């Protein structure tokens, strides 16, 4: 793994611009989405002025859209006048089959894996060139992780991301490598050739090990979760302290848990899961 280039402070990718955008003839739907997109992990509460600035909207337009979103329940206003994402939007989000459906099938196995390891257990799906974490179980004594439910991270630097990239569409690798591979630590994979070799190893073993690629104290062991047709629909991982050397002993437990989730997803549709040896 290369160590060239400056280290980037750890923060979830997808940081939004905070101004400079103009309304530019966007549709009403585009402006509504811009308002919702103004919120992120670092901006959970926004004043109307901040909302307008981050969405790139005139204040009057933002006021009208925010009022409509608040009446519907997509936004909520607190006693200070600041706005937050509302419960109604969360209710709609729970209807997503890729996130919540997989999560419901995975939770019992994630809980078993946590009880066996008492370490961070994570479940993620792919969205474009990023992974989105849809569930996380963590313990008081587990190594600290930077992920949270709903957060996005790059495919090349996380255990779950390596799995989803290895089993993704044929052109996904080229799309990922078409832009610089972001560096988080001195061990983050930045070289496309090393990334290709790492993905080949994931496909050979059915396991991804991301060693200190996001933080220098964490190591992730991840396995694929397959849908009824054998396609990889998610990835399950456990994150442990890198210094403890526990990865080899945890691989079977992660693999068994991921396979259990795959069987549950298949059973929900009354189908037999495709064997992992199929290579799909």
Protein backbone atom coordinates (compact mmCIF):
# COMPACT_ATOMS: atom_id res chain seq x y z
CA UNK A 1 0.00 0.00 0.00
CA UNK A 2 1.36 3.36 -0.92
CA UNK A 3 1.88 6.24 1.45
CA UNK A 4 2.19 9.15 -0.98
CA UNK A 5 0.14 12.32 -0.75
CA UNK A 6 -1.10 14.28 2.23
CA UNK A 7 -3.21 12.68 4.91
CA UNK A 8 -6.84 13.80 4.86
CA UNK A 9 -8.65 14.41 8.15
CA UNK A 10 -11.13 11.66 8.81
CA UNK A 11 -14.68 12.62 7.93
CA UNK A 12 -17.40 10.90 5.92
CA UNK A 13 -17.14 11.57 2.18
CA UNK A 14 -19.64 13.60 0.24
CA UNK A 15 -19.01 16.93 1.95
CA UNK A 16 -21.36 19.49 0.47
CA UNK A 17 -20.53 22.93 -0.80
CA UNK A 18 -21.84 25.67 1.46
CA UNK A 19 -22.71 28.35 -1.01
CA UNK A 20 -21.91 29.65 -4.45
CA UNK A 21 -24.71 27.66 -6.08
CA UNK A 22 -27.51 29.48 -7.76
CA UNK A 23 -31.09 28.49 -8.27
CA UNK A 24 -30.25 28.15 -11.96
CA UNK A 25 -33.70 27.14 -13.15
CA UNK A 26 -33.91 23.99 -11.06
CA UNK A 27 -37.26 22.24 -10.95
CA UNK A 28 -39.42 22.44 -7.86
CA UNK A 29 -38.43 18.87 -7.04
CA UNK A 30 -34.77 19.80 -7.44
CA UNK A 31 -35.15 22.71 -5.03
CA UNK A 32 -36.95 20.54 -2.48
CA UNK A 33 -34.20 17.95 -2.67
CA UNK A 34 -31.59 20.69 -2.28
CA UNK A 35 -33.24 21.70 1.00
CA UNK A 36 -33.14 18.14 2.30
CA UNK A 37 -29.58 17.68 1.02
CA UNK A 38 -28.47 20.65 3.12
CA UNK A 39 -28.56 18.39 6.19
CA UNK A 40 -25.73 16.00 6.94
CA UNK A 41 -23.93 14.50 9.92
CA UNK A 42 -22.24 17.82 10.66
CA UNK A 43 -25.35 19.90 10.04
CA UNK A 44 -28.24 18.18 11.82
CA UNK A 45 -29.81 21.47 12.89
CA UNK A 46 -30.04 24.51 10.59
CA UNK A 47 -31.58 27.94 10.74
CA UNK A 48 -33.65 29.09 7.78
CA UNK A 49 -30.81 31.35 6.65
CA UNK A 50 -28.30 28.50 6.80
CA UNK A 51 -30.69 26.21 4.98
CA UNK A 52 -31.10 28.71 2.16
CA UNK A 53 -27.34 29.23 1.90
CA UNK A 54 -26.45 25.55 1.89
CA UNK A 55 -29.23 24.74 -0.59
CA UNK A 56 -28.20 27.61 -2.87
CA UNK A 57 -31.69 29.12 -2.78
CA UNK A 58 -33.05 32.62 -2.31
CA UNK A 59 -34.29 33.10 1.23
CA UNK A 60 -37.91 33.61 0.12
CA UNK A 61 -37.86 30.39 -1.90
CA UNK A 62 -36.31 28.46 0.97
CA UNK A 63 -38.91 29.85 3.38
CA UNK A 64 -41.76 28.67 1.17
CA UNK A 65 -40.31 25.18 0.62
CA UNK A 66 -39.34 24.72 4.27
CA UNK A 67 -42.85 25.66 5.36
CA UNK A 68 -44.34 23.02 3.04
CA UNK A 69 -41.86 20.37 4.18
CA UNK A 70 -42.57 21.18 7.82
CA UNK A 71 -46.33 20.89 7.33
CA UNK A 72 -45.85 17.48 5.71
CA UNK A 73 -43.46 16.31 8.45
CA UNK A 74 -40.25 16.00 6.44
CA UNK A 75 -38.79 18.76 8.61
CA UNK A 76 -39.42 19.73 12.20
CA UNK A 77 -38.80 23.08 13.91
CA UNK A 78 -37.58 23.25 17.49
CA UNK A 79 -38.09 25.90 20.17
CA UNK A 80 -35.05 27.87 18.98
CA UNK A 81 -36.42 28.13 15.44
CA UNK A 82 -33.89 25.69 13.96
CA UNK A 83 -34.97 22.94 11.59
CA UNK A 84 -34.21 19.20 11.74
CA UNK A 85 -35.07 16.18 9.60
CA UNK A 86 -38.55 15.05 10.63
CA UNK A 87 -39.88 11.65 11.61
CA UNK A 88 -42.15 11.49 8.57
CA UNK A 89 -39.09 11.36 6.31
CA UNK A 90 -37.62 8.59 8.45
CA UNK A 91 -40.87 6.64 8.10
CA UNK A 92 -40.63 6.86 4.33
CA UNK A 93 -36.95 5.84 4.39
CA UNK A 94 -37.82 2.66 6.29
CA UNK A 95 -39.69 1.45 3.19
CA UNK A 96 -36.43 1.04 1.27
CA UNK A 97 -36.04 -2.70 0.59
CA UNK A 98 -32.28 -2.48 0.03
CA UNK A 99 -31.64 -1.02 3.44
CA UNK A 100 -34.35 -1.97 5.89
CA UNK A 101 -35.29 -5.32 4.33
CA UNK A 102 -31.73 -6.56 4.53
CA UNK A 103 -31.37 -5.02 7.99
CA UNK A 104 -34.37 -6.91 9.35
CA UNK A 105 -32.99 -10.19 8.05
CA UNK A 106 -29.52 -9.41 9.35
CA UNK A 107 -30.21 -8.20 12.88
CA UNK A 108 -30.49 -11.60 14.63
CA UNK A 109 -27.21 -12.73 13.07
CA UNK A 110 -25.53 -9.42 13.83
CA UNK A 111 -26.59 -9.76 17.46
CA UNK A 112 -25.17 -13.29 17.58
CA UNK A 113 -21.92 -12.09 16.05
CA UNK A 114 -21.71 -9.27 18.58
CA UNK A 115 -22.31 -11.65 21.49
CA UNK A 116 -19.52 -13.87 20.18
CA UNK A 117 -17.02 -11.04 19.70
CA UNK A 118 -18.19 -8.01 21.72
CA UNK A 119 -16.82 -5.90 18.88
CA UNK A 120 -18.40 -3.54 16.36
CA UNK A 121 -20.65 -5.35 13.89
CA UNK A 122 -21.68 -3.48 10.74
CA UNK A 123 -23.98 -4.01 7.78
CA UNK A 124 -23.66 -1.98 4.58
CA UNK A 125 -25.05 -1.77 1.06
CA UNK A 126 -23.60 -0.09 -2.03
CA UNK A 127 -24.95 3.13 -3.47
CA UNK A 128 -23.01 4.17 -6.54
CA UNK A 129 -19.34 4.49 -5.65
CA UNK A 130 -19.90 4.48 -1.89
CA UNK A 131 -21.08 2.17 0.87
CA UNK A 132 -23.98 3.17 3.07
CA UNK A 133 -24.13 1.69 6.57
CA UNK A 134 -27.66 0.50 7.35
CA UNK A 135 -27.02 -1.06 10.78
CA UNK A 136 -24.34 -0.98 13.45
CA UNK A 137 -23.99 -2.73 16.79
CA UNK A 138 -21.17 -1.52 19.03
CA UNK A 139 -19.99 -2.17 22.55
CA UNK A 140 -18.55 -0.03 25.33
CA UNK A 141 -15.15 -1.68 25.13
CA UNK A 142 -15.02 -2.09 21.34
CA UNK A 143 -12.52 -0.18 19.22
CA UNK A 144 -13.84 3.23 18.22
CA UNK A 145 -15.23 3.44 14.69
CA UNK A 146 -16.05 6.46 12.55
CA UNK A 147 -19.16 4.96 11.00
CA UNK A 148 -22.79 5.49 11.97
CA UNK A 149 -26.09 4.32 10.51
CA UNK A 150 -26.64 6.27 7.32
CA UNK A 151 -23.02 7.32 6.85
CA UNK A 152 -21.21 6.90 3.54
CA UNK A 153 -17.63 5.81 2.98
CA UNK A 154 -15.58 4.91 -0.10
CA UNK A 155 -15.55 1.41 -1.49
CA UNK A 156 -11.77 1.04 -1.67
CA UNK A 157 -10.90 1.77 1.98
CA UNK A 158 -13.42 -0.24 4.01
CA UNK A 159 -13.87 -3.98 4.49
CA UNK A 160 -17.53 -3.90 3.47
CA UNK A 161 -16.61 -1.67 0.54
CA UNK A 162 -13.97 -4.07 -0.75
CA UNK A 163 -16.55 -6.87 -0.70
CA UNK A 164 -19.16 -4.83 -2.54
CA UNK A 165 -16.57 -3.64 -5.06
CA UNK A 166 -15.19 -7.15 -5.62
CA UNK A 167 -18.63 -8.55 -6.42
CA UNK A 168 -19.99 -5.45 -8.15
CA UNK A 169 -20.69 -4.88 -11.85
CA UNK A 170 -17.73 -5.36 -14.22
CA UNK A 171 -17.21 -1.64 -14.85
CA UNK A 172 -17.44 -0.62 -11.19
CA UNK A 173 -13.70 -0.99 -10.64
CA UNK A 174 -12.93 1.32 -13.55
CA UNK A 175 -15.39 3.91 -12.24
CA UNK A 176 -13.81 3.82 -8.78
CA UNK A 177 -10.29 4.15 -10.16
CA UNK A 178 -11.25 6.94 -12.56
CA UNK A 179 -10.76 9.36 -9.69
CA UNK A 180 -8.01 9.48 -7.03
CA UNK A 181 -8.39 6.88 -4.29
CA UNK A 182 -8.80 8.93 -1.14
CA UNK A 183 -6.21 8.39 1.57
CA UNK A 184 -7.13 8.19 5.26
CA UNK A 185 -4.02 6.59 6.75
CA UNK A 186 -0.60 5.61 5.52
CA UNK A 187 -2.00 2.13 4.80
CA UNK A 188 -5.01 3.14 2.70
CA UNK A 189 -4.92 1.54 -0.75
CA UNK A 190 -4.19 4.26 -3.31
CA UNK A 191 -2.70 2.28 -6.16
CA UNK A 192 -5.25 0.83 -8.65
CA UNK A 193 -3.07 -2.23 -9.27
CA UNK A 194 -2.96 -3.06 -5.57
CA UNK A 195 -6.68 -2.52 -5.38
CA UNK A 196 -7.22 -4.96 -8.26
CA UNK A 197 -5.07 -7.55 -6.48
CA UNK A 198 -6.99 -7.01 -3.23
CA UNK A 199 -10.31 -7.53 -5.01
CA UNK A 200 -9.06 -10.73 -6.61
CA UNK A 201 -8.15 -12.01 -3.15
CA UNK A 202 -11.63 -11.15 -1.87
CA UNK A 203 -13.20 -13.16 -4.68
CA UNK A 204 -10.81 -16.05 -4.04
CA UNK A 205 -11.43 -16.27 -0.29
CA UNK A 206 -14.88 -14.76 0.08
CA UNK A 207 -13.50 -12.48 2.81
CA UNK A 208 -12.12 -8.93 2.84
CA UNK A 209 -9.67 -7.74 5.47
CA UNK A 210 -9.22 -3.97 5.66
CA UNK A 211 -6.21 -3.42 7.89
CA UNK A 212 -5.90 0.12 9.35
CA UNK A 213 -7.15 1.78 6.16
CA UNK A 214 -9.56 4.19 7.87
CA UNK A 215 -7.95 4.49 11.30
CA UNK A 216 -4.62 3.15 12.54
CA UNK A 217 -6.20 1.17 15.37
CA UNK A 218 -8.97 -0.69 13.54
CA UNK A 219 -9.12 -3.80 11.37
CA UNK A 220 -12.27 -4.89 9.54
CA UNK A 221 -13.21 -8.42 8.47
CA UNK A 222 -16.09 -8.47 5.98
CA UNK A 223 -18.07 -11.09 4.05
CA UNK A 224 -20.71 -10.89 1.30
CA UNK A 225 -24.44 -11.19 1.92
CA UNK A 226 -26.20 -12.70 -1.08
CA UNK A 227 -29.69 -12.36 -2.40
CA UNK A 228 -31.86 -15.29 -3.54
CA UNK A 229 -30.22 -15.34 -6.97
CA UNK A 230 -26.68 -15.41 -5.57
CA UNK A 231 -26.00 -11.74 -6.23
CA UNK A 232 -24.20 -9.83 -3.49
CA UNK A 233 -26.69 -7.36 -1.99
CA UNK A 234 -24.86 -6.29 1.18
CA UNK A 235 -21.76 -6.88 3.25
CA UNK A 236 -21.35 -7.78 6.92
CA UNK A 237 -18.26 -6.89 8.92
CA UNK A 238 -16.77 -6.93 12.38
CA UNK A 239 -14.21 -4.29 13.38
CA UNK A 240 -11.57 -5.22 15.94
CA UNK A 241 -8.41 -3.63 17.35
CA UNK A 242 -5.68 -4.03 14.75
CA UNK A 243 -3.00 -4.76 17.34
CA UNK A 244 -4.68 -7.86 18.78
CA UNK A 245 -4.14 -10.16 15.79
CA UNK A 246 -7.63 -11.67 16.07
CA UNK A 247 -8.58 -11.57 12.38
CA UNK A 248 -7.87 -15.20 11.45
CA UNK A 249 -9.95 -16.53 14.33
CA UNK A 250 -12.93 -14.31 13.52
CA UNK A 251 -13.18 -15.09 9.80
CA UNK A 252 -15.31 -18.25 10.27
CA UNK A 253 -17.79 -16.43 12.53
CA UNK A 254 -18.21 -13.56 10.06
CA UNK A 255 -18.63 -15.98 7.17
CA UNK A 256 -21.24 -18.06 9.01
CA UNK A 257 -23.23 -14.97 10.02
CA UNK A 258 -23.22 -13.59 6.47
CA UNK A 259 -24.32 -16.95 5.11
CA UNK A 260 -27.13 -17.08 7.66
CA UNK A 261 -28.40 -13.69 6.49
CA UNK A 262 -28.23 -14.88 2.90
CA UNK A 263 -30.31 -17.97 3.72
CA UNK A 264 -32.88 -15.82 5.52
CA UNK A 265 -33.22 -13.52 2.52
CA UNK A 266 -33.69 -16.52 0.25
CA UNK A 267 -36.22 -18.15 2.56
CA UNK A 268 -38.27 -14.95 2.62
CA UNK A 269 -38.92 -15.45 -1.07
CA UNK A 270 -39.29 -19.21 -0.83
CA UNK A 271 -36.09 -19.91 -2.75
CA UNK A 272 -32.93 -21.83 -2.03
CA UNK A 273 -29.82 -19.67 -1.69
CA UNK A 274 -27.20 -20.06 -4.36
CA UNK A 275 -24.04 -21.65 -2.96
CA UNK A 276 -21.19 -19.27 -2.35
CA UNK A 277 -18.93 -21.52 -4.39
CA UNK A 278 -20.79 -20.35 -7.48
CA UNK A 279 -18.34 -17.44 -7.73
CA UNK A 280 -21.05 -14.95 -8.54
